[in-house]
Amino acid sequence: MNQIIIAGIVAFMALLIGGLIGYYIRQSLAKKRAGSLEAKLLKKVQETKEETTKLVKDAESKSSQILEKTQKEVDERRREFLKAQQLVLDREKLLEAKIEGFDKKEVEFAGKVEKLNETREELEKLRTEAGDKLQKVANLTREDAKKELLALVEFDSQKDIIERIKKMEQSGQDALAVKAREIVTLAIQKCAVNHTLELSTTTIQLGSEDIKGRIIGKEGRNIKTFEKITGVEVLIDDTPDSVVISCFNPIRRQIAAMALNKLIQDGRIQPAKIEEKVEEAKAEITKVIKDAGEKTLYDMNILGVQDKLVQILGRLYYRTSYGQNVLQHSMEVALIAETIAEELGANAAVAKRAGLFHDIGKALDQQMEGSHIEIGIKVLEKFGEKPEIVHAMRSHHGDYPIDSLEGTIVIVADSISASRPGARKDSIENYLQRLKALEDIANRFEGIDRSYAIQAGREIRIFVKADKVDDLACQKMARQIAANIEEELKYPGEIKVTVIRENRIVEYAR
């Protein structure tokens, strides 16, 4: 029993001793670790202090640089301010000196005015005294003496005055006539626009005589279709290797000529191909018309014209008036008007633009009612041309009063261009007007699709809309048109009226 107690005591003591030893060992290890961590912290603190010192030094350096730069800018601004202040002071001194000078001059001027008034009063007093003395001497009032003196001078000088006035009037008229001739001559010299006489026929050269038969077609089918679609007359005579296209409308004639050339080159002449080539020719003519308008504006150096107005201007390329090409005539009028305006000191730009557009209504006179003046005014106003240009162009035929110098210049330029020898032929214009009158009579009726005057005005062909006009109405229409022609027109021989009604139904198999 005692042994067990002793063993337990020994074991307890051993455990106690082991715990103490372990405690001291742990304390030793903890102190070592704490020393190492403290060293690291001290090192980190030292490094932080060094970095902080460096950052402070850098900040102080940058602050000193900024302060130095700011100080320089402040000094520079101060110098500029002082310089400006000195300049203001100098100007104030100069202004004060000028004000003092003006004050002195004002005083001097007031003194001179006072002296002048005194002198005027003295002169008036002397004049009154002289008049009184003269009245006493002559026993006449001032008015009576003045009348007698003027009557005497007028009587003695009347003949000389009349002769001098006549001489001055004659001299002025001669000088004005010479100046006018110089201006007109200069305007004509500066204008170099070529003119070609537009006829009513176009000759197409063929490769061989065989092509004539293909143009005519079986039982005349091809040539009838061609004439119907284009509205022209194809003349096939004994002239070798050529056919003639006749039409008073130059655009229709040009479309027909272009389409026929395409058909000849293609070689396949048949109704379907004729329609195709005519449509191609119309598209090409539209492009040619636009190009003609753009080229005209470029050559004339005129800007700011709307595209639609350019297209209308280009239509004048295929329009004639009394045998004179209207587009060439308009260019000539514009150039002459510009030159005259420059010589007279008028607005040359307005005169030139009004001269170019003075006949613009002729491009649409076959499509719209009214004179070409009225049509031209509507067109120019619609497309934004300035009022002064419209006013200058509208009076060139005397339909409107002349309200500007530019309007007078356009009238003169138009007369110069039209009166040039060989520029116009009345017979051609009368012929074209007669053909147009035929078409106008037919186009009055409802249901008309299109009408063509052919055979030099001896026949008119009218195409009606099949869905609006029946066969019975076609007969009545033909009789009525013939009656209207007899009442309204004068012509030799007779005029054939042909009304054509055609149904065309198109379907597609898909």
Protein backbone atom coordinates (compact mmCIF):
# COMPACT_ATOMS: atom_id res chain seq x y z
CA MET A 1 0.00 0.00 0.00
CA ASN A 2 2.74 2.40 0.88
CA GLN A 3 4.52 1.51 -2.29
CA ILE A 4 1.51 2.46 -4.28
CA ILE A 5 1.23 5.79 -2.52
CA ILE A 6 4.91 6.45 -2.98
CA ALA A 7 4.65 5.52 -6.65
CA GLY A 8 1.69 7.87 -7.05
CA ILE A 9 3.57 10.67 -5.33
CA VAL A 10 6.60 10.06 -7.54
CA ALA A 11 4.41 10.06 -10.61
CA PHE A 12 2.72 13.26 -9.55
CA MET A 13 6.04 14.94 -8.90
CA ALA A 14 7.34 13.75 -12.25
CA LEU A 15 4.25 15.15 -13.96
CA LEU A 16 4.59 18.43 -12.13
CA ILE A 17 8.26 18.72 -12.98
CA GLY A 18 7.49 17.88 -16.65
CA GLY A 19 4.79 20.54 -16.78
CA LEU A 20 7.13 23.15 -15.32
CA ILE A 21 9.88 22.20 -17.73
CA GLY A 22 7.38 22.40 -20.68
CA TYR A 23 6.14 25.77 -19.45
CA TYR A 24 9.64 27.21 -19.31
CA ILE A 25 10.42 25.79 -22.75
CA ARG A 26 7.29 27.39 -24.25
CA GLN A 27 8.12 30.72 -22.62
CA SER A 28 11.62 30.58 -24.09
CA LEU A 29 10.29 29.83 -27.55
CA ALA A 30 7.69 32.61 -27.27
CA LYS A 31 10.35 35.14 -26.32
CA LYS A 32 12.47 34.09 -29.30
CA ARG A 33 9.48 34.49 -31.66
CA ALA A 34 8.56 37.83 -30.14
CA GLY A 35 12.12 39.04 -30.61
CA SER A 36 12.08 38.06 -34.28
CA LEU A 37 8.66 39.73 -34.90
CA GLU A 38 9.77 42.87 -33.08
CA ALA A 39 12.88 43.03 -35.23
CA LYS A 40 10.77 42.77 -38.37
CA LEU A 41 8.41 45.46 -37.14
CA LEU A 42 11.33 47.74 -36.28
CA LYS A 43 12.77 47.17 -39.74
CA LYS A 44 9.39 47.90 -41.39
CA VAL A 45 9.00 51.06 -39.30
CA GLN A 46 12.49 52.17 -40.30
CA GLU A 47 11.75 51.59 -43.99
CA THR A 48 8.45 53.46 -43.68
CA LYS A 49 10.21 56.39 -42.04
CA GLU A 50 12.77 56.47 -44.86
CA GLU A 51 10.03 56.37 -47.58
CA THR A 52 8.09 59.04 -45.74
CA THR A 53 11.18 61.21 -45.52
CA LYS A 54 11.79 60.74 -49.24
CA LEU A 55 8.16 61.57 -50.15
CA VAL A 56 8.29 64.67 -47.96
CA LYS A 57 11.49 65.77 -49.68
CA ASP A 58 9.95 65.14 -53.13
CA ALA A 59 6.80 67.02 -52.15
CA GLU A 60 8.85 69.93 -50.84
CA SER A 61 10.86 69.97 -54.10
CA LYS A 62 7.71 69.94 -56.27
CA SER A 63 6.08 72.57 -54.05
CA SER A 64 9.08 74.82 -54.42
CA GLN A 65 9.02 74.34 -58.21
CA ILE A 66 5.29 75.10 -58.36
CA LEU A 67 5.75 78.15 -56.13
CA GLU A 68 8.62 79.33 -58.31
CA LYS A 69 6.58 78.83 -61.52
CA THR A 70 3.56 80.50 -59.99
CA GLN A 71 5.70 83.40 -58.85
CA LYS A 72 7.06 83.79 -62.40
CA GLU A 73 3.52 83.80 -63.86
CA VAL A 74 2.42 86.32 -61.25
CA ASP A 75 5.40 88.53 -62.10
CA GLU A 76 4.63 88.20 -65.83
CA ARG A 77 0.95 89.05 -65.31
CA ARG A 78 1.95 91.97 -63.12
CA ARG A 79 4.26 93.28 -65.88
CA GLU A 80 1.48 92.86 -68.48
CA PHE A 81 -0.99 94.62 -66.20
CA LEU A 82 1.42 97.48 -65.64
CA LYS A 83 2.04 97.71 -69.37
CA ALA A 84 -1.70 97.77 -70.11
CA GLN A 85 -2.23 100.31 -67.35
CA GLN A 86 0.48 102.51 -68.83
CA LEU A 87 -1.11 102.16 -72.28
CA VAL A 88 -4.49 103.22 -70.89
CA LEU A 89 -2.88 106.17 -69.16
CA ASP A 90 -1.16 107.20 -72.40
CA ARG A 91 -4.44 106.97 -74.30
CA GLU A 92 -6.22 108.98 -71.64
CA LYS A 93 -3.57 111.68 -71.91
CA LEU A 94 -3.88 111.63 -75.72
CA LEU A 95 -7.68 111.81 -75.47
CA GLU A 96 -7.47 114.70 -73.03
CA ALA A 97 -5.12 116.50 -75.39
CA LYS A 98 -7.53 115.96 -78.30
CA ILE A 99 -10.47 117.14 -76.21
CA GLU A 100 -8.55 120.27 -75.30
CA GLY A 101 -7.77 120.80 -78.98
CA PHE A 102 -11.45 120.35 -79.90
CA ASP A 103 -12.45 122.83 -77.20
CA LYS A 104 -10.00 125.35 -78.59
CA LYS A 105 -11.23 124.77 -82.14
CA GLU A 106 -14.83 125.10 -80.97
CA VAL A 107 -14.03 128.42 -79.36
CA GLU A 108 -12.23 129.56 -82.52
CA PHE A 109 -15.13 128.36 -84.69
CA ALA A 110 -17.65 130.19 -82.51
CA GLY A 111 -15.57 133.34 -82.88
CA LYS A 112 -15.44 132.94 -86.67
CA VAL A 113 -19.20 132.35 -86.81
CA GLU A 114 -19.76 135.49 -84.81
CA LYS A 115 -17.50 137.48 -87.12
CA LEU A 116 -19.26 135.99 -90.15
CA ASN A 117 -22.65 137.02 -88.79
CA GLU A 118 -21.36 140.51 -88.21
CA THR A 119 -20.00 140.65 -91.75
CA ARG A 120 -23.31 139.33 -93.15
CA GLU A 121 -25.23 142.04 -91.25
CA GLU A 122 -22.90 144.69 -92.61
CA LEU A 123 -23.31 143.41 -96.18
CA GLU A 124 -27.10 143.31 -95.82
CA LYS A 125 -27.03 146.88 -94.51
CA LEU A 126 -24.86 148.03 -97.43
CA ARG A 127 -27.15 146.19 -99.92
CA THR A 128 -30.21 147.90 -98.46
CA GLU A 129 -28.54 151.31 -98.64
CA ALA A 130 -27.46 150.68 -102.26
CA GLY A 131 -30.99 149.60 -103.20
CA ASP A 132 -32.50 152.69 -101.61
CA LYS A 133 -30.05 154.94 -103.43
CA LEU A 134 -30.70 153.13 -106.75
CA GLN A 135 -34.44 153.46 -106.25
CA LYS A 136 -34.06 157.15 -105.57
CA VAL A 137 -31.87 157.65 -108.63
CA ALA A 138 -33.99 155.58 -111.08
CA ASN A 139 -37.31 156.34 -109.45
CA LEU A 140 -38.05 152.52 -109.71
CA THR A 141 -38.72 149.86 -107.14
CA ARG A 142 -36.35 146.93 -106.87
CA GLU A 143 -38.83 144.51 -108.44
CA ASP A 144 -39.49 146.82 -111.39
CA ALA A 145 -35.77 147.27 -112.03
CA LYS A 146 -35.20 143.53 -111.82
CA LYS A 147 -37.99 142.79 -114.31
CA GLU A 148 -36.73 145.39 -116.80
CA LEU A 149 -33.17 144.10 -116.57
CA LEU A 150 -34.21 140.48 -117.09
CA ALA A 151 -36.50 141.41 -119.99
CA LEU A 152 -33.69 143.30 -121.70
CA VAL A 153 -31.20 140.45 -121.25
CA GLU A 154 -33.76 137.85 -122.37
CA PHE A 155 -34.61 139.79 -125.51
CA ASP A 156 -30.99 140.34 -126.50
CA SER A 157 -29.91 136.73 -125.74
CA GLN A 158 -33.00 134.80 -126.79
CA LYS A 159 -31.67 133.85 -130.21
CA ASP A 160 -28.26 132.88 -128.85
CA ILE A 161 -29.85 130.79 -126.10
CA ILE A 162 -32.11 128.92 -128.55
CA GLU A 163 -29.24 128.20 -130.93
CA ARG A 164 -27.03 127.00 -128.06
CA ILE A 165 -29.77 124.74 -126.69
CA LYS A 166 -30.32 123.17 -130.13
CA LYS A 167 -26.61 122.70 -130.57
CA MET A 168 -26.29 121.01 -127.17
CA GLU A 169 -29.29 118.76 -127.85
CA GLN A 170 -27.91 117.70 -131.23
CA SER A 171 -24.47 117.15 -129.75
CA GLY A 172 -25.97 115.05 -126.91
CA GLN A 173 -28.02 112.95 -129.32
CA ASP A 174 -25.01 112.33 -131.54
CA ALA A 175 -22.90 111.34 -128.54
CA LEU A 176 -25.62 109.04 -127.24
CA ALA A 177 -26.03 107.42 -130.65
CA VAL A 178 -22.29 106.81 -130.93
CA LYS A 179 -22.19 105.37 -127.41
CA ALA A 180 -25.20 103.14 -128.11
CA ARG A 181 -23.57 101.82 -131.29
CA GLU A 182 -20.37 101.14 -129.39
CA ILE A 183 -22.21 99.18 -126.67
CA VAL A 184 -24.22 97.11 -129.15
CA THR A 185 -21.15 96.45 -131.30
CA LEU A 186 -19.15 95.37 -128.27
CA ALA A 187 -21.97 93.08 -127.12
CA ILE A 188 -22.23 91.42 -130.53
CA GLN A 189 -18.43 91.03 -130.78
CA LYS A 190 -18.27 89.30 -127.39
CA CYS A 191 -21.07 86.91 -128.34
CA ALA A 192 -19.92 84.04 -130.53
CA VAL A 193 -22.81 81.57 -130.45
CA ASN A 194 -23.24 79.41 -133.54
CA HIS A 195 -26.71 78.95 -135.02
CA THR A 196 -27.94 76.12 -137.18
CA LEU A 197 -31.23 76.09 -139.02
CA GLU A 198 -33.52 73.34 -137.69
CA LEU A 199 -35.61 71.73 -140.41
CA SER A 200 -38.62 69.47 -139.98
CA THR A 201 -37.01 66.37 -141.49
CA THR A 202 -34.13 64.06 -140.62
CA THR A 203 -32.40 61.77 -143.11
CA ILE A 204 -31.28 58.30 -141.95
CA GLN A 205 -28.54 56.59 -143.95
CA LEU A 206 -29.03 52.85 -144.53
CA GLY A 207 -26.47 50.20 -145.13
CA SER A 208 -28.29 48.77 -148.12
CA GLU A 209 -31.59 48.93 -150.00
CA ASP A 210 -32.71 45.64 -148.41
CA ILE A 211 -33.22 47.40 -145.08
CA LYS A 212 -36.05 49.48 -146.56
CA GLY A 213 -38.15 46.35 -147.00
CA ARG A 214 -37.48 45.25 -143.43
CA ILE A 215 -38.45 48.74 -142.19
CA ILE A 216 -41.76 48.52 -144.08
CA GLY A 217 -42.42 44.95 -142.92
CA LYS A 218 -45.03 42.52 -144.07
CA GLU A 219 -48.04 44.47 -145.38
CA GLY A 220 -46.50 47.63 -143.88
CA ARG A 221 -46.83 46.34 -140.31
CA ASN A 222 -43.44 47.58 -139.08
CA ILE A 223 -43.62 51.10 -140.51
CA LYS A 224 -47.21 51.56 -139.26
CA THR A 225 -46.20 50.48 -135.76
CA PHE A 226 -43.15 52.76 -135.85
CA GLU A 227 -45.18 55.79 -136.99
CA LYS A 228 -47.89 55.08 -134.44
CA ILE A 229 -45.53 54.84 -131.47
CA THR A 230 -43.23 57.73 -132.38
CA GLY A 231 -45.75 60.11 -133.95
CA VAL A 232 -43.58 60.78 -137.01
CA GLU A 233 -43.90 60.09 -140.70
CA VAL A 234 -41.34 57.80 -142.37
CA LEU A 235 -40.81 58.70 -146.04
CA ILE A 236 -39.35 55.92 -148.15
CA ASP A 237 -38.75 57.11 -151.70
CA ASP A 238 -36.35 56.38 -154.53
CA THR A 239 -33.40 57.99 -152.78
CA PRO A 240 -30.80 55.22 -152.52
CA ASP A 241 -29.73 53.91 -149.10
CA SER A 242 -31.71 56.48 -147.07
CA VAL A 243 -35.09 57.19 -145.53
CA VAL A 244 -36.52 60.48 -144.29
CA ILE A 245 -38.22 61.05 -140.94
CA SER A 246 -40.64 63.98 -141.00
CA CYS A 247 -42.16 65.63 -137.93
CA PHE A 248 -42.60 69.23 -136.79
CA ASN A 249 -41.78 68.29 -133.17
CA PRO A 250 -37.96 68.06 -132.98
CA ILE A 251 -37.96 65.87 -129.83
CA ARG A 252 -40.26 63.29 -131.39
CA ARG A 253 -38.22 63.41 -134.59
CA GLN A 254 -34.97 62.88 -132.68
CA ILE A 255 -36.43 59.96 -130.69
CA ALA A 256 -37.61 58.36 -133.93
CA ALA A 257 -34.23 58.83 -135.63
CA MET A 258 -32.37 57.35 -132.66
CA ALA A 259 -34.78 54.41 -132.39
CA LEU A 260 -34.55 53.67 -136.14
CA ASN A 261 -30.75 53.68 -135.99
CA LYS A 262 -30.89 51.24 -133.08
CA LEU A 263 -33.25 48.96 -135.01
CA ILE A 264 -30.98 49.03 -138.06
CA GLN A 265 -27.96 48.14 -135.93
CA ASP A 266 -29.88 45.37 -134.16
CA GLY A 267 -31.22 43.97 -137.41
CA ARG A 268 -34.42 42.60 -135.85
CA ILE A 269 -37.18 44.95 -136.96
CA GLN A 270 -40.54 43.88 -135.58
CA PRO A 271 -43.31 45.56 -133.52
CA ALA A 272 -42.09 44.31 -130.12
CA LYS A 273 -38.51 45.33 -130.86
CA ILE A 274 -39.71 48.71 -132.17
CA GLU A 275 -41.42 49.47 -128.84
CA GLU A 276 -38.29 48.42 -126.93
CA LYS A 277 -35.93 50.61 -128.98
CA VAL A 278 -38.29 53.60 -128.82
CA GLU A 279 -38.30 53.41 -125.01
CA GLU A 280 -34.49 53.19 -125.01
CA ALA A 281 -34.32 56.23 -127.29
CA LYS A 282 -36.66 58.19 -124.99
CA ALA A 283 -34.43 57.44 -122.01
CA GLU A 284 -31.32 58.53 -123.94
CA ILE A 285 -32.99 61.72 -125.15
CA THR A 286 -33.92 62.54 -121.55
CA LYS A 287 -30.25 62.24 -120.59
CA VAL A 288 -29.16 64.30 -123.62
CA ILE A 289 -31.63 67.03 -122.63
CA LYS A 290 -30.30 67.13 -119.06
CA ASP A 291 -26.68 67.19 -120.29
CA ALA A 292 -27.52 70.06 -122.66
CA GLY A 293 -29.01 72.06 -119.78
CA GLU A 294 -26.04 71.40 -117.49
CA LYS A 295 -23.53 72.26 -120.24
CA THR A 296 -25.35 75.51 -120.97
CA LEU A 297 -25.27 76.58 -117.32
CA TYR A 298 -21.60 75.61 -117.06
CA ASP A 299 -20.68 77.55 -120.21
CA MET A 300 -22.67 80.57 -118.99
CA ASN A 301 -21.20 80.29 -115.45
CA ILE A 302 -24.64 80.36 -113.84
CA LEU A 303 -25.06 78.57 -110.51
CA GLY A 304 -27.88 77.74 -108.10
CA VAL A 305 -30.39 76.33 -110.62
CA GLN A 306 -32.64 73.48 -109.48
CA ASP A 307 -32.31 70.14 -111.29
CA LYS A 308 -35.86 70.21 -112.68
CA LEU A 309 -35.29 73.68 -114.14
CA VAL A 310 -32.03 72.41 -115.68
CA GLN A 311 -34.05 69.65 -117.37
CA ILE A 312 -36.58 72.16 -118.70
CA LEU A 313 -33.80 74.41 -119.99
CA GLY A 314 -32.24 71.46 -121.81
CA ARG A 315 -35.51 70.85 -123.69
CA LEU A 316 -34.85 74.10 -125.57
CA TYR A 317 -32.00 72.23 -127.29
CA TYR A 318 -34.68 70.59 -129.47
CA ARG A 319 -36.93 73.65 -129.77
CA THR A 320 -36.89 76.16 -132.60
CA SER A 321 -38.54 79.53 -133.07
CA TYR A 322 -38.79 80.88 -136.60
CA GLY A 323 -36.11 78.36 -137.55
CA GLN A 324 -33.76 79.59 -134.80
CA ASN A 325 -32.60 77.17 -132.10
CA VAL A 326 -34.11 78.52 -128.88
CA LEU A 327 -31.34 77.32 -126.56
CA GLN A 328 -28.64 78.92 -128.73
CA HIS A 329 -30.77 82.04 -129.02
CA SER A 330 -31.19 82.19 -125.22
CA MET A 331 -27.43 81.87 -124.70
CA GLU A 332 -26.83 84.66 -127.19
CA VAL A 333 -29.39 86.91 -125.49
CA ALA A 334 -27.77 86.20 -122.10
CA LEU A 335 -24.28 87.10 -123.34
CA ILE A 336 -25.44 90.28 -125.08
CA ALA A 337 -27.51 91.33 -122.05
CA GLU A 338 -24.56 90.77 -119.71
CA THR A 339 -22.25 92.91 -121.86
CA ILE A 340 -24.75 95.75 -122.20
CA ALA A 341 -25.48 95.67 -118.45
CA GLU A 342 -21.77 95.91 -117.64
CA GLU A 343 -21.41 98.91 -119.95
CA LEU A 344 -24.44 100.68 -118.47
CA GLY A 345 -23.65 99.88 -114.85
CA ALA A 346 -26.71 97.66 -114.36
CA ASN A 347 -26.84 94.29 -112.57
CA ALA A 348 -25.04 92.08 -115.09
CA ALA A 349 -25.82 88.84 -113.22
CA VAL A 350 -29.57 89.53 -113.24
CA ALA A 351 -29.52 90.59 -116.90
CA LYS A 352 -27.61 87.45 -117.94
CA ARG A 353 -29.83 85.08 -115.94
CA ALA A 354 -33.04 86.75 -117.18
CA GLY A 355 -31.73 86.64 -120.75
CA LEU A 356 -31.03 82.91 -120.50
CA PHE A 357 -34.46 82.13 -119.06
CA HIS A 358 -36.50 84.63 -121.10
CA ASP A 359 -37.87 81.92 -123.43
CA ILE A 360 -37.98 79.06 -120.89
CA GLY A 361 -41.75 78.83 -121.38
CA LYS A 362 -41.23 77.60 -124.97
CA ALA A 363 -39.90 74.32 -123.56
CA LEU A 364 -43.40 73.53 -122.21
CA ASP A 365 -45.74 75.51 -124.46
CA GLN A 366 -46.81 72.30 -126.24
CA GLN A 367 -47.77 70.72 -122.90
CA MET A 368 -49.29 73.65 -120.96
CA GLU A 369 -51.89 76.24 -121.87
CA GLY A 370 -50.96 79.90 -122.12
CA SER A 371 -48.29 81.97 -123.81
CA HIS A 372 -44.65 81.13 -123.29
CA ILE A 373 -44.36 84.31 -121.18
CA GLU A 374 -47.02 83.13 -118.72
CA ILE A 375 -45.61 79.61 -118.66
CA GLY A 376 -42.09 80.97 -118.11
CA ILE A 377 -43.22 83.12 -115.17
CA LYS A 378 -44.91 80.14 -113.51
CA VAL A 379 -41.87 77.91 -114.06
CA LEU A 380 -39.34 80.41 -112.69
CA GLU A 381 -41.48 81.25 -109.66
CA LYS A 382 -42.05 77.55 -108.95
CA PHE A 383 -38.34 76.77 -108.95
CA GLY A 384 -37.30 79.68 -106.74
CA GLU A 385 -35.86 82.24 -109.14
CA LYS A 386 -35.62 85.75 -107.67
CA PRO A 387 -38.40 88.29 -108.41
CA GLU A 388 -36.00 90.68 -110.16
CA ILE A 389 -35.14 87.94 -112.69
CA VAL A 390 -38.81 87.16 -113.34
CA HIS A 391 -39.58 90.89 -113.77
CA ALA A 392 -36.66 91.32 -116.18
CA MET A 393 -37.70 88.41 -118.44
CA ARG A 394 -41.47 88.83 -118.50
CA SER A 395 -41.56 92.14 -120.41
CA HIS A 396 -39.46 91.15 -123.43
CA HIS A 397 -42.57 90.98 -125.67
CA GLY A 398 -44.37 93.95 -124.13
CA ASP A 399 -46.95 91.83 -122.28
CA TYR A 400 -45.89 93.41 -118.98
CA PRO A 401 -44.66 96.94 -118.18
CA ILE A 402 -40.92 97.43 -117.93
CA ASP A 403 -40.05 98.03 -114.27
CA SER A 404 -36.25 97.72 -114.32
CA LEU A 405 -33.22 98.65 -116.39
CA GLU A 406 -32.39 94.95 -116.70
CA GLY A 407 -35.80 94.34 -118.32
CA THR A 408 -35.02 96.95 -120.99
CA ILE A 409 -31.61 95.35 -121.57
CA VAL A 410 -33.21 91.90 -122.09
CA ILE A 411 -35.60 93.42 -124.67
CA VAL A 412 -32.68 94.99 -126.55
CA ALA A 413 -30.60 91.79 -126.41
CA ASP A 414 -33.54 89.69 -127.64
CA SER A 415 -34.12 92.08 -130.54
CA ILE A 416 -30.42 92.01 -131.50
CA SER A 417 -30.32 88.22 -131.52
CA ALA A 418 -33.58 87.83 -133.43
CA SER A 419 -32.91 90.53 -136.02
CA ARG A 420 -29.54 89.16 -137.08
CA PRO A 421 -29.70 88.44 -140.85
CA GLY A 422 -30.56 84.81 -141.49
CA ALA A 423 -31.40 84.06 -137.87
CA ARG A 424 -35.11 83.48 -138.41
CA LYS A 425 -37.49 82.34 -141.14
CA ASP A 426 -41.18 83.13 -140.84
CA SER A 427 -42.29 80.38 -143.24
CA ILE A 428 -40.95 77.60 -140.99
CA GLU A 429 -42.60 79.08 -137.91
CA ASN A 430 -45.94 79.43 -139.69
CA TYR A 431 -45.70 75.80 -140.84
CA LEU A 432 -44.95 74.58 -137.31
CA GLN A 433 -47.76 76.68 -135.84
CA ARG A 434 -50.24 75.21 -138.33
CA LEU A 435 -49.25 71.65 -137.36
CA LYS A 436 -49.43 72.48 -133.66
CA ALA A 437 -52.89 74.04 -134.15
CA LEU A 438 -54.07 70.75 -135.67
CA GLU A 439 -52.90 68.78 -132.64
CA ASP A 440 -54.37 71.34 -130.23
CA ILE A 441 -57.84 70.98 -131.80
CA ALA A 442 -57.71 67.20 -131.38
CA ASN A 443 -56.37 67.30 -127.84
CA ARG A 444 -59.38 69.28 -126.59
CA PHE A 445 -61.57 66.18 -126.61
CA GLU A 446 -61.82 63.86 -123.63
CA GLY A 447 -60.39 60.38 -123.93
CA ILE A 448 -57.54 61.42 -126.25
CA ASP A 449 -54.32 59.52 -125.57
CA ARG A 450 -52.10 61.31 -128.10
CA SER A 451 -52.36 62.96 -131.51
CA TYR A 452 -49.88 63.46 -134.34
CA ALA A 453 -50.04 65.84 -137.30
CA ILE A 454 -48.30 64.20 -140.28
CA GLN A 455 -48.07 64.48 -144.06
CA ALA A 456 -47.06 68.16 -143.74
CA GLY A 457 -50.37 68.88 -142.06
CA ARG A 458 -52.52 67.00 -144.59
CA GLU A 459 -53.40 64.28 -142.07
CA ILE A 460 -53.88 64.05 -138.30
CA ARG A 461 -53.89 60.76 -136.45
CA ILE A 462 -55.64 60.60 -133.08
CA PHE A 463 -55.16 57.68 -130.67
CA VAL A 464 -57.93 57.33 -128.07
CA LYS A 465 -58.12 55.43 -124.79
CA ALA A 466 -60.05 52.25 -125.46
CA ASP A 467 -61.52 52.09 -121.96
CA LYS A 468 -63.03 55.58 -122.21
CA VAL A 469 -64.07 55.89 -125.89
CA ASP A 470 -66.07 53.23 -127.77
CA ASP A 471 -66.34 52.71 -131.52
CA LEU A 472 -69.44 54.88 -131.91
CA ALA A 473 -67.80 57.73 -129.99
CA CYS A 474 -64.76 57.43 -132.29
CA GLN A 475 -66.93 58.10 -135.33
CA LYS A 476 -68.59 61.11 -133.68
CA MET A 477 -65.21 62.39 -132.55
CA ALA A 478 -63.73 62.17 -136.06
CA ARG A 479 -66.65 64.16 -137.52
CA GLN A 480 -66.46 66.78 -134.77
CA ILE A 481 -62.68 67.23 -135.11
CA ALA A 482 -63.05 67.62 -138.88
CA ALA A 483 -65.79 70.23 -138.35
CA ASN A 484 -63.65 72.16 -135.86
CA ILE A 485 -60.71 72.16 -138.28
CA GLU A 486 -62.92 73.54 -141.06
CA GLU A 487 -64.16 76.33 -138.78
CA GLU A 488 -60.91 77.38 -137.16
CA LEU A 489 -58.12 76.80 -139.70
CA LYS A 490 -57.36 78.00 -143.19
CA TYR A 491 -55.57 75.48 -145.42
CA PRO A 492 -55.34 74.41 -149.04
CA GLY A 493 -56.88 71.12 -150.17
CA GLU A 494 -58.16 68.78 -147.47
CA ILE A 495 -57.02 67.32 -144.14
CA LYS A 496 -57.55 63.66 -143.35
CA VAL A 497 -58.71 62.91 -139.78
CA THR A 498 -57.93 59.37 -138.56
CA VAL A 499 -59.12 58.20 -135.15
CA ILE A 500 -57.54 54.96 -133.93
CA ARG A 501 -58.91 52.85 -131.06
CA GLU A 502 -56.83 49.87 -129.99
CA ASN A 503 -57.27 47.33 -127.18
CA ARG A 504 -54.07 45.88 -125.77
CA ILE A 505 -54.33 43.22 -123.07
CA VAL A 506 -51.14 41.92 -121.45
CA GLU A 507 -50.90 38.85 -119.20
CA TYR A 508 -47.86 36.97 -117.87
CA ALA A 509 -47.50 33.19 -117.60
CA ARG A 510 -45.43 32.28 -114.56
